[in-house]
Amino acid sequence: MAYFNEKFGMKILEAEYQVVPREVHLRTEKYFYIWLDIQKPFENQLKKLKKALVKLDIYKENLEYIDLRISGESGEKIIYKRR
């Protein structure tokens, strides 16, 4: 949570650990969730989000969630849902 705050300047209000799907859902102060795979380094997943800031403005978009767990054929994918 501190790493996210440092890199993005946005606070995490809560973290929800989900045992069976092996993921963590972080709820931001902008009230959207970030989904992380606990079997992969969280730093790498958050670096994907940092690169995506050029196309996806997480500070202004009205988002429901951002899914950083998915890996694509041609690199890393980010899936998100607007409200």
PDB file of N, CA and C in Angstrom:
ATOM      1  N   MET A   1       0.831  -1.186   0.000  1.00  0.00           N
ATOM      2  CA  MET A   1       0.000   0.000   0.000  1.00  0.00           C
ATOM      3  C   MET A   1       0.879   1.255   0.000  1.00  0.00           C
ATOM      4  N   ALA A   2       1.956   1.223   0.775  1.00  0.00           N
ATOM      5  CA  ALA A   2       2.872   2.360   0.818  1.00  0.00           C
ATOM      6  C   ALA A   2       3.570   2.540  -0.532  1.00  0.00           C
ATOM      7  N   TYR A   3       3.912   1.440  -1.180  1.00  0.00           N
ATOM      8  CA  TYR A   3       4.563   1.492  -2.489  1.00  0.00           C
ATOM      9  C   TYR A   3       3.647   2.179  -3.505  1.00  0.00           C
ATOM     10  N   PHE A   4       2.364   1.821  -3.505  1.00  0.00           N
ATOM     11  CA  PHE A   4       1.407   2.437  -4.425  1.00  0.00           C
ATOM     12  C   PHE A   4       1.289   3.931  -4.144  1.00  0.00           C
ATOM     13  N   ASN A   5       1.167   4.288  -2.893  1.00  0.00           N
ATOM     14  CA  ASN A   5       1.046   5.693  -2.508  1.00  0.00           C
ATOM     15  C   ASN A   5       2.267   6.488  -2.960  1.00  0.00           C
ATOM     16  N   GLU A   6       3.439   5.902  -2.792  1.00  0.00           N
ATOM     17  CA  GLU A   6       4.677   6.572  -3.190  1.00  0.00           C
ATOM     18  C   GLU A   6       4.761   6.755  -4.704  1.00  0.00           C
ATOM     19  N   LYS A   7       4.396   5.740  -5.464  1.00  0.00           N
ATOM     20  CA  LYS A   7       4.532   5.782  -6.926  1.00  0.00           C
ATOM     21  C   LYS A   7       3.439   6.589  -7.616  1.00  0.00           C
ATOM     22  N   PHE A   8       2.227   6.586  -7.044  1.00  0.00           N
ATOM     23  CA  PHE A   8       1.088   7.208  -7.724  1.00  0.00           C
ATOM     24  C   PHE A   8       0.508   8.411  -6.982  1.00  0.00           C
ATOM     25  N   GLY A   9       0.957   8.659  -5.758  1.00  0.00           N
ATOM     26  CA  GLY A   9       0.448   9.788  -4.993  1.00  0.00           C
ATOM     27  C   GLY A   9      -1.027   9.656  -4.665  1.00  0.00           C
ATOM     28  N   MET A  10      -1.469   8.431  -4.478  1.00  0.00           N
ATOM     29  CA  MET A  10      -2.873   8.153  -4.184  1.00  0.00           C
ATOM     30  C   MET A  10      -2.925   7.146  -3.032  1.00  0.00           C
ATOM     31  N   LYS A  11      -3.774   7.402  -2.072  1.00  0.00           N
ATOM     32  CA  LYS A  11      -3.870   6.525  -0.909  1.00  0.00           C
ATOM     33  C   LYS A  11      -4.724   5.292  -1.202  1.00  0.00           C
ATOM     34  N   ILE A  12      -4.399   4.227  -0.503  1.00  0.00           N
ATOM     35  CA  ILE A  12      -5.202   3.005  -0.511  1.00  0.00           C
ATOM     36  C   ILE A  12      -6.038   3.017   0.767  1.00  0.00           C
ATOM     37  N   LEU A  13      -7.342   2.923   0.619  1.00  0.00           N
ATOM     38  CA  LEU A  13      -8.239   2.943   1.765  1.00  0.00           C
ATOM     39  C   LEU A  13      -8.335   1.583   2.453  1.00  0.00           C
ATOM     40  N   GLU A  14      -8.279   0.521   1.635  1.00  0.00           N
ATOM     41  CA  GLU A  14      -8.348  -0.824   2.203  1.00  0.00           C
ATOM     42  C   GLU A  14      -7.778  -1.832   1.226  1.00  0.00           C
ATOM     43  N   ALA A  15      -7.377  -2.970   1.773  1.00  0.00           N
ATOM     44  CA  ALA A  15      -6.877  -4.078   0.958  1.00  0.00           C
ATOM     45  C   ALA A  15      -7.662  -5.329   1.332  1.00  0.00           C
ATOM     46  N   GLU A  16      -8.125  -6.034   0.322  1.00  0.00           N
ATOM     47  CA  GLU A  16      -8.895  -7.257   0.541  1.00  0.00           C
ATOM     48  C   GLU A  16      -8.132  -8.424  -0.071  1.00  0.00           C
ATOM     49  N   TYR A  17      -7.724  -9.355   0.770  1.00  0.00           N
ATOM     50  CA  TYR A  17      -7.003 -10.541   0.334  1.00  0.00           C
ATOM     51  C   TYR A  17      -8.003 -11.643   0.037  1.00  0.00           C
ATOM     52  N   GLN A  18      -7.948 -12.198  -1.164  1.00  0.00           N
ATOM     53  CA  GLN A  18      -8.850 -13.278  -1.553  1.00  0.00           C
ATOM     54  C   GLN A  18      -8.028 -14.551  -1.737  1.00  0.00           C
ATOM     55  N   VAL A  19      -8.256 -15.517  -0.852  1.00  0.00           N
ATOM     56  CA  VAL A  19      -7.440 -16.718  -0.771  1.00  0.00           C
ATOM     57  C   VAL A  19      -7.574 -17.607  -2.003  1.00  0.00           C
ATOM     58  N   VAL A  20      -8.784 -17.991  -2.366  1.00  0.00           N
ATOM     59  CA  VAL A  20      -8.981 -18.955  -3.454  1.00  0.00           C
ATOM     60  C   VAL A  20      -8.495 -18.431  -4.805  1.00  0.00           C
ATOM     61  N   PRO A  21      -8.894 -17.241  -5.228  1.00  0.00           N
ATOM     62  CA  PRO A  21      -8.383 -16.770  -6.526  1.00  0.00           C
ATOM     63  C   PRO A  21      -6.936 -16.262  -6.453  1.00  0.00           C
ATOM     64  N   ARG A  22      -6.382 -16.202  -5.237  1.00  0.00           N
ATOM     65  CA  ARG A  22      -5.004 -15.751  -5.021  1.00  0.00           C
ATOM     66  C   ARG A  22      -4.763 -14.348  -5.572  1.00  0.00           C
ATOM     67  N   GLU A  23      -5.562 -13.417  -5.065  1.00  0.00           N
ATOM     68  CA  GLU A  23      -5.431 -12.038  -5.505  1.00  0.00           C
ATOM     69  C   GLU A  23      -5.704 -11.076  -4.365  1.00  0.00           C
ATOM     70  N   VAL A  24      -5.280  -9.844  -4.571  1.00  0.00           N
ATOM     71  CA  VAL A  24      -5.515  -8.761  -3.623  1.00  0.00           C
ATOM     72  C   VAL A  24      -6.238  -7.655  -4.372  1.00  0.00           C
ATOM     73  N   HIS A  25      -7.265  -7.104  -3.741  1.00  0.00           N
ATOM     74  CA  HIS A  25      -7.995  -5.968  -4.300  1.00  0.00           C
ATOM     75  C   HIS A  25      -7.699  -4.763  -3.418  1.00  0.00           C
ATOM     76  N   LEU A  26      -7.117  -3.736  -4.023  1.00  0.00           N
ATOM     77  CA  LEU A  26      -6.813  -2.502  -3.311  1.00  0.00           C
ATOM     78  C   LEU A  26      -7.852  -1.452  -3.667  1.00  0.00           C
ATOM     79  N   ARG A  27      -8.467  -0.850  -2.673  1.00  0.00           N
ATOM     80  CA  ARG A  27      -9.456   0.208  -2.907  1.00  0.00           C
ATOM     81  C   ARG A  27      -8.776   1.555  -2.713  1.00  0.00           C
ATOM     82  N   THR A  28      -8.780   2.371  -3.767  1.00  0.00           N
ATOM     83  CA  THR A  28      -8.086   3.653  -3.731  1.00  0.00           C
ATOM     84  C   THR A  28      -8.987   4.756  -3.175  1.00  0.00           C
ATOM     85  N   GLU A  29      -8.370   5.881  -2.897  1.00  0.00           N
ATOM     86  CA  GLU A  29      -9.127   7.047  -2.413  1.00  0.00           C
ATOM     87  C   GLU A  29     -10.059   7.600  -3.486  1.00  0.00           C
ATOM     88  N   LYS A  30      -9.859   7.207  -4.740  1.00  0.00           N
ATOM     89  CA  LYS A  30     -10.762   7.592  -5.832  1.00  0.00           C
ATOM     90  C   LYS A  30     -11.886   6.571  -5.987  1.00  0.00           C
ATOM     91  N   TYR A  31     -11.956   5.616  -5.078  1.00  0.00           N
ATOM     92  CA  TYR A  31     -13.018   4.606  -4.992  1.00  0.00           C
ATOM     93  C   TYR A  31     -13.053   3.636  -6.168  1.00  0.00           C
ATOM     94  N   PHE A  32     -11.902   3.369  -6.774  1.00  0.00           N
ATOM     95  CA  PHE A  32     -11.817   2.258  -7.715  1.00  0.00           C
ATOM     96  C   PHE A  32     -10.861   1.231  -7.132  1.00  0.00           C
ATOM     97  N   TYR A  33     -10.975   0.006  -7.611  1.00  0.00           N
ATOM     98  CA  TYR A  33     -10.159  -1.092  -7.127  1.00  0.00           C
ATOM     99  C   TYR A  33      -9.028  -1.400  -8.096  1.00  0.00           C
ATOM    100  N   ILE A  34      -7.926  -1.860  -7.555  1.00  0.00           N
ATOM    101  CA  ILE A  34      -6.822  -2.379  -8.352  1.00  0.00           C
ATOM    102  C   ILE A  34      -6.666  -3.839  -7.956  1.00  0.00           C
ATOM    103  N   TRP A  35      -6.733  -4.711  -8.961  1.00  0.00           N
ATOM    104  CA  TRP A  35      -6.631  -6.145  -8.709  1.00  0.00           C
ATOM    105  C   TRP A  35      -5.226  -6.618  -9.019  1.00  0.00           C
ATOM    106  N   LEU A  36      -4.598  -7.282  -8.051  1.00  0.00           N
ATOM    107  CA  LEU A  36      -3.244  -7.788  -8.191  1.00  0.00           C
ATOM    108  C   LEU A  36      -3.212  -9.297  -7.978  1.00  0.00           C
ATOM    109  N   ASP A  37      -2.363  -9.977  -8.714  1.00  0.00           N
ATOM    110  CA  ASP A  37      -2.129 -11.411  -8.563  1.00  0.00           C
ATOM    111  C   ASP A  37      -1.037 -11.588  -7.515  1.00  0.00           C
ATOM    112  N   ILE A  38      -1.329 -12.318  -6.432  1.00  0.00           N
ATOM    113  CA  ILE A  38      -0.327 -12.453  -5.366  1.00  0.00           C
ATOM    114  C   ILE A  38       0.790 -13.423  -5.734  1.00  0.00           C
ATOM    115  N   GLN A  39       0.671 -14.113  -6.852  1.00  0.00           N
ATOM    116  CA  GLN A  39       1.720 -15.030  -7.281  1.00  0.00           C
ATOM    117  C   GLN A  39       2.763 -14.340  -8.163  1.00  0.00           C
ATOM    118  N   LYS A  40       2.560 -13.082  -8.464  1.00  0.00           N
ATOM    119  CA  LYS A  40       3.498 -12.295  -9.269  1.00  0.00           C
ATOM    120  C   LYS A  40       3.964 -11.112  -8.434  1.00  0.00           C
ATOM    121  N   PRO A  41       5.180 -10.615  -8.688  1.00  0.00           N
ATOM    122  CA  PRO A  41       5.655  -9.444  -7.936  1.00  0.00           C
ATOM    123  C   PRO A  41       4.743  -8.229  -8.150  1.00  0.00           C
ATOM    124  N   PHE A  42       4.290  -7.645  -7.055  1.00  0.00           N
ATOM    125  CA  PHE A  42       3.377  -6.503  -7.161  1.00  0.00           C
ATOM    126  C   PHE A  42       4.051  -5.313  -7.827  1.00  0.00           C
ATOM    127  N   GLU A  43       5.372  -5.180  -7.665  1.00  0.00           N
ATOM    128  CA  GLU A  43       6.078  -4.063  -8.286  1.00  0.00           C
ATOM    129  C   GLU A  43       5.938  -4.111  -9.812  1.00  0.00           C
ATOM    130  N   ASN A  44       6.071  -5.310 -10.386  1.00  0.00           N
ATOM    131  CA  ASN A  44       5.947  -5.461 -11.846  1.00  0.00           C
ATOM    132  C   ASN A  44       4.535  -5.119 -12.318  1.00  0.00           C
ATOM    133  N   GLN A  45       3.543  -5.528 -11.538  1.00  0.00           N
ATOM    134  CA  GLN A  45       2.159  -5.250 -11.911  1.00  0.00           C
ATOM    135  C   GLN A  45       1.871  -3.748 -11.844  1.00  0.00           C
ATOM    136  N   LEU A  46       2.408  -3.081 -10.846  1.00  0.00           N
ATOM    137  CA  LEU A  46       2.189  -1.638 -10.726  1.00  0.00           C
ATOM    138  C   LEU A  46       2.994  -0.850 -11.760  1.00  0.00           C
ATOM    139  N   LYS A  47       4.111  -1.414 -12.221  1.00  0.00           N
ATOM    140  CA  LYS A  47       4.866  -0.771 -13.303  1.00  0.00           C
ATOM    141  C   LYS A  47       4.046  -0.767 -14.590  1.00  0.00           C
ATOM    142  N   LYS A  48       3.257  -1.828 -14.812  1.00  0.00           N
ATOM    143  CA  LYS A  48       2.351  -1.859 -15.971  1.00  0.00           C
ATOM    144  C   LYS A  48       1.388  -0.687 -15.906  1.00  0.00           C
ATOM    145  N   LEU A  49       0.850  -0.443 -14.724  1.00  0.00           N
ATOM    146  CA  LEU A  49      -0.092   0.655 -14.546  1.00  0.00           C
ATOM    147  C   LEU A  49       0.602   1.995 -14.789  1.00  0.00           C
ATOM    148  N   LYS A  50       1.811   2.132 -14.318  1.00  0.00           N
ATOM    149  CA  LYS A  50       2.564   3.385 -14.516  1.00  0.00           C
ATOM    150  C   LYS A  50       2.745   3.667 -16.007  1.00  0.00           C
ATOM    151  N   LYS A  51       3.066   2.628 -16.785  1.00  0.00           N
ATOM    152  CA  LYS A  51       3.235   2.786 -18.232  1.00  0.00           C
ATOM    153  C   LYS A  51       1.913   3.153 -18.904  1.00  0.00           C
ATOM    154  N   ALA A  52       0.813   2.660 -18.370  1.00  0.00           N
ATOM    155  CA  ALA A  52      -0.505   2.900 -18.971  1.00  0.00           C
ATOM    156  C   ALA A  52      -1.040   4.295 -18.685  1.00  0.00           C
ATOM    157  N   LEU A  53      -0.417   5.034 -17.783  1.00  0.00           N
ATOM    158  CA  LEU A  53      -0.914   6.372 -17.440  1.00  0.00           C
ATOM    159  C   LEU A  53      -0.965   7.306 -18.638  1.00  0.00           C
ATOM    160  N   VAL A  54      -0.188   7.010 -19.663  1.00  0.00           N
ATOM    161  CA  VAL A  54      -0.208   7.830 -20.881  1.00  0.00           C
ATOM    162  C   VAL A  54      -1.590   7.763 -21.532  1.00  0.00           C
ATOM    163  N   LYS A  55      -2.211   6.584 -21.508  1.00  0.00           N
ATOM    164  CA  LYS A  55      -3.517   6.394 -22.157  1.00  0.00           C
ATOM    165  C   LYS A  55      -4.685   6.398 -21.179  1.00  0.00           C
ATOM    166  N   LEU A  56      -4.442   6.029 -19.947  1.00  0.00           N
ATOM    167  CA  LEU A  56      -5.510   5.921 -18.952  1.00  0.00           C
ATOM    168  C   LEU A  56      -5.180   6.823 -17.767  1.00  0.00           C
ATOM    169  N   ASP A  57      -5.905   7.914 -17.640  1.00  0.00           N
ATOM    170  CA  ASP A  57      -5.668   8.866 -16.553  1.00  0.00           C
ATOM    171  C   ASP A  57      -6.458   8.419 -15.321  1.00  0.00           C
ATOM    172  N   ILE A  58      -5.777   7.711 -14.434  1.00  0.00           N
ATOM    173  CA  ILE A  58      -6.458   7.174 -13.245  1.00  0.00           C
ATOM    174  C   ILE A  58      -6.887   8.278 -12.287  1.00  0.00           C
ATOM    175  N   TYR A  59      -6.373   9.477 -12.470  1.00  0.00           N
ATOM    176  CA  TYR A  59      -6.710  10.584 -11.578  1.00  0.00           C
ATOM    177  C   TYR A  59      -8.005  11.285 -11.983  1.00  0.00           C
ATOM    178  N   LYS A  60      -8.390  11.170 -13.264  1.00  0.00           N
ATOM    179  CA  LYS A  60      -9.588  11.857 -13.745  1.00  0.00           C
ATOM    180  C   LYS A  60     -10.699  10.916 -14.206  1.00  0.00           C
ATOM    181  N   GLU A  61     -10.336   9.705 -14.637  1.00  0.00           N
ATOM    182  CA  GLU A  61     -11.337   8.739 -15.115  1.00  0.00           C
ATOM    183  C   GLU A  61     -12.226   8.279 -13.961  1.00  0.00           C
ATOM    184  N   ASN A  62     -13.477   8.026 -14.253  1.00  0.00           N
ATOM    185  CA  ASN A  62     -14.404   7.471 -13.282  1.00  0.00           C
ATOM    186  C   ASN A  62     -14.378   5.945 -13.456  1.00  0.00           C
ATOM    187  N   LEU A  63     -13.524   5.284 -12.701  1.00  0.00           N
ATOM    188  CA  LEU A  63     -13.274   3.859 -12.869  1.00  0.00           C
ATOM    189  C   LEU A  63     -13.931   3.022 -11.779  1.00  0.00           C
ATOM    190  N   GLU A  64     -14.249   1.790 -12.134  1.00  0.00           N
ATOM    191  CA  GLU A  64     -14.729   0.815 -11.150  1.00  0.00           C
ATOM    192  C   GLU A  64     -13.566  -0.060 -10.687  1.00  0.00           C
ATOM    193  N   TYR A  65     -12.766  -0.551 -11.655  1.00  0.00           N
ATOM    194  CA  TYR A  65     -11.589  -1.345 -11.302  1.00  0.00           C
ATOM    195  C   TYR A  65     -10.552  -1.309 -12.421  1.00  0.00           C
ATOM    196  N   ILE A  66      -9.322  -1.675 -12.033  1.00  0.00           N
ATOM    197  CA  ILE A  66      -8.224  -1.897 -12.973  1.00  0.00           C
ATOM    198  C   ILE A  66      -7.650  -3.264 -12.631  1.00  0.00           C
ATOM    199  N   ASP A  67      -7.605  -4.147 -13.603  1.00  0.00           N
ATOM    200  CA  ASP A  67      -7.126  -5.510 -13.412  1.00  0.00           C
ATOM    201  C   ASP A  67      -5.710  -5.622 -13.977  1.00  0.00           C
ATOM    202  N   LEU A  68      -4.742  -5.824 -13.100  1.00  0.00           N
ATOM    203  CA  LEU A  68      -3.345  -5.923 -13.510  1.00  0.00           C
ATOM    204  C   LEU A  68      -2.845  -7.369 -13.517  1.00  0.00           C
ATOM    205  N   ARG A  69      -3.737  -8.319 -13.342  1.00  0.00           N
ATOM    206  CA  ARG A  69      -3.346  -9.729 -13.223  1.00  0.00           C
ATOM    207  C   ARG A  69      -3.086 -10.405 -14.551  1.00  0.00           C
ATOM    208  N   ILE A  70      -3.559  -9.856 -15.640  1.00  0.00           N
ATOM    209  CA  ILE A  70      -3.574 -10.529 -16.930  1.00  0.00           C
ATOM    210  C   ILE A  70      -2.265 -10.300 -17.698  1.00  0.00           C
ATOM    211  N   SER A  71      -1.750 -11.378 -18.277  1.00  0.00           N
ATOM    212  CA  SER A  71      -0.594 -11.300 -19.180  1.00  0.00           C
ATOM    213  C   SER A  71      -1.076 -11.634 -20.575  1.00  0.00           C
ATOM    214  N   GLY A  72      -0.683 -10.837 -21.552  1.00  0.00           N
ATOM    215  CA  GLY A  72      -1.104 -11.059 -22.934  1.00  0.00           C
ATOM    216  C   GLY A  72      -0.006 -11.686 -23.767  1.00  0.00           C
ATOM    217  N   GLU A  73      -0.350 -12.058 -24.994  1.00  0.00           N
ATOM    218  CA  GLU A  73       0.616 -12.668 -25.912  1.00  0.00           C
ATOM    219  C   GLU A  73       1.747 -11.707 -26.260  1.00  0.00           C
ATOM    220  N   SER A  74       1.402 -10.469 -26.520  1.00  0.00           N
ATOM    221  CA  SER A  74       2.402  -9.488 -26.956  1.00  0.00           C
ATOM    222  C   SER A  74       2.864  -8.594 -25.808  1.00  0.00           C
ATOM    223  N   GLY A  75       2.801  -9.098 -24.606  1.00  0.00           N
ATOM    224  CA  GLY A  75       3.214  -8.305 -23.453  1.00  0.00           C
ATOM    225  C   GLY A  75       2.132  -8.269 -22.403  1.00  0.00           C
ATOM    226  N   GLU A  76       2.237  -7.320 -21.530  1.00  0.00           N
ATOM    227  CA  GLU A  76       1.304  -7.220 -20.414  1.00  0.00           C
ATOM    228  C   GLU A  76       0.042  -6.465 -20.809  1.00  0.00           C
ATOM    229  N   LYS A  77      -1.070  -6.923 -20.292  1.00  0.00           N
ATOM    230  CA  LYS A  77      -2.357  -6.291 -20.554  1.00  0.00           C
ATOM    231  C   LYS A  77      -2.900  -5.639 -19.293  1.00  0.00           C
ATOM    232  N   ILE A  78      -3.665  -4.602 -19.505  1.00  0.00           N
ATOM    233  CA  ILE A  78      -4.402  -3.976 -18.416  1.00  0.00           C
ATOM    234  C   ILE A  78      -5.863  -3.948 -18.842  1.00  0.00           C
ATOM    235  N   ILE A  79      -6.699  -4.452 -17.979  1.00  0.00           N
ATOM    236  CA  ILE A  79      -8.139  -4.427 -18.233  1.00  0.00           C
ATOM    237  C   ILE A  79      -8.754  -3.503 -17.191  1.00  0.00           C
ATOM    238  N   TYR A  80      -9.640  -2.650 -17.636  1.00  0.00           N
ATOM    239  CA  TYR A  80     -10.290  -1.745 -16.694  1.00  0.00           C
ATOM    240  C   TYR A  80     -11.757  -1.572 -17.069  1.00  0.00           C
ATOM    241  N   LYS A  81     -12.519  -1.107 -16.089  1.00  0.00           N
ATOM    242  CA  LYS A  81     -13.943  -0.864 -16.312  1.00  0.00           C
ATOM    243  C   LYS A  81     -14.271   0.522 -15.808  1.00  0.00           C
ATOM    244  N   ARG A  82     -14.885   1.299 -16.685  1.00  0.00           N
ATOM    245  CA  ARG A  82     -15.370   2.623 -16.280  1.00  0.00           C
ATOM    246  C   ARG A  82     -16.731   2.463 -15.618  1.00  0.00           C
ATOM    247  N   ARG A  83     -17.066   3.406 -14.767  1.00  0.00           N
ATOM    248  CA  ARG A  83     -18.400   3.395 -14.125  1.00  0.00           C
ATOM    249  C   ARG A  83     -19.430   3.929 -15.087  1.00  0.00           C
TER     250      ARG A  83
END
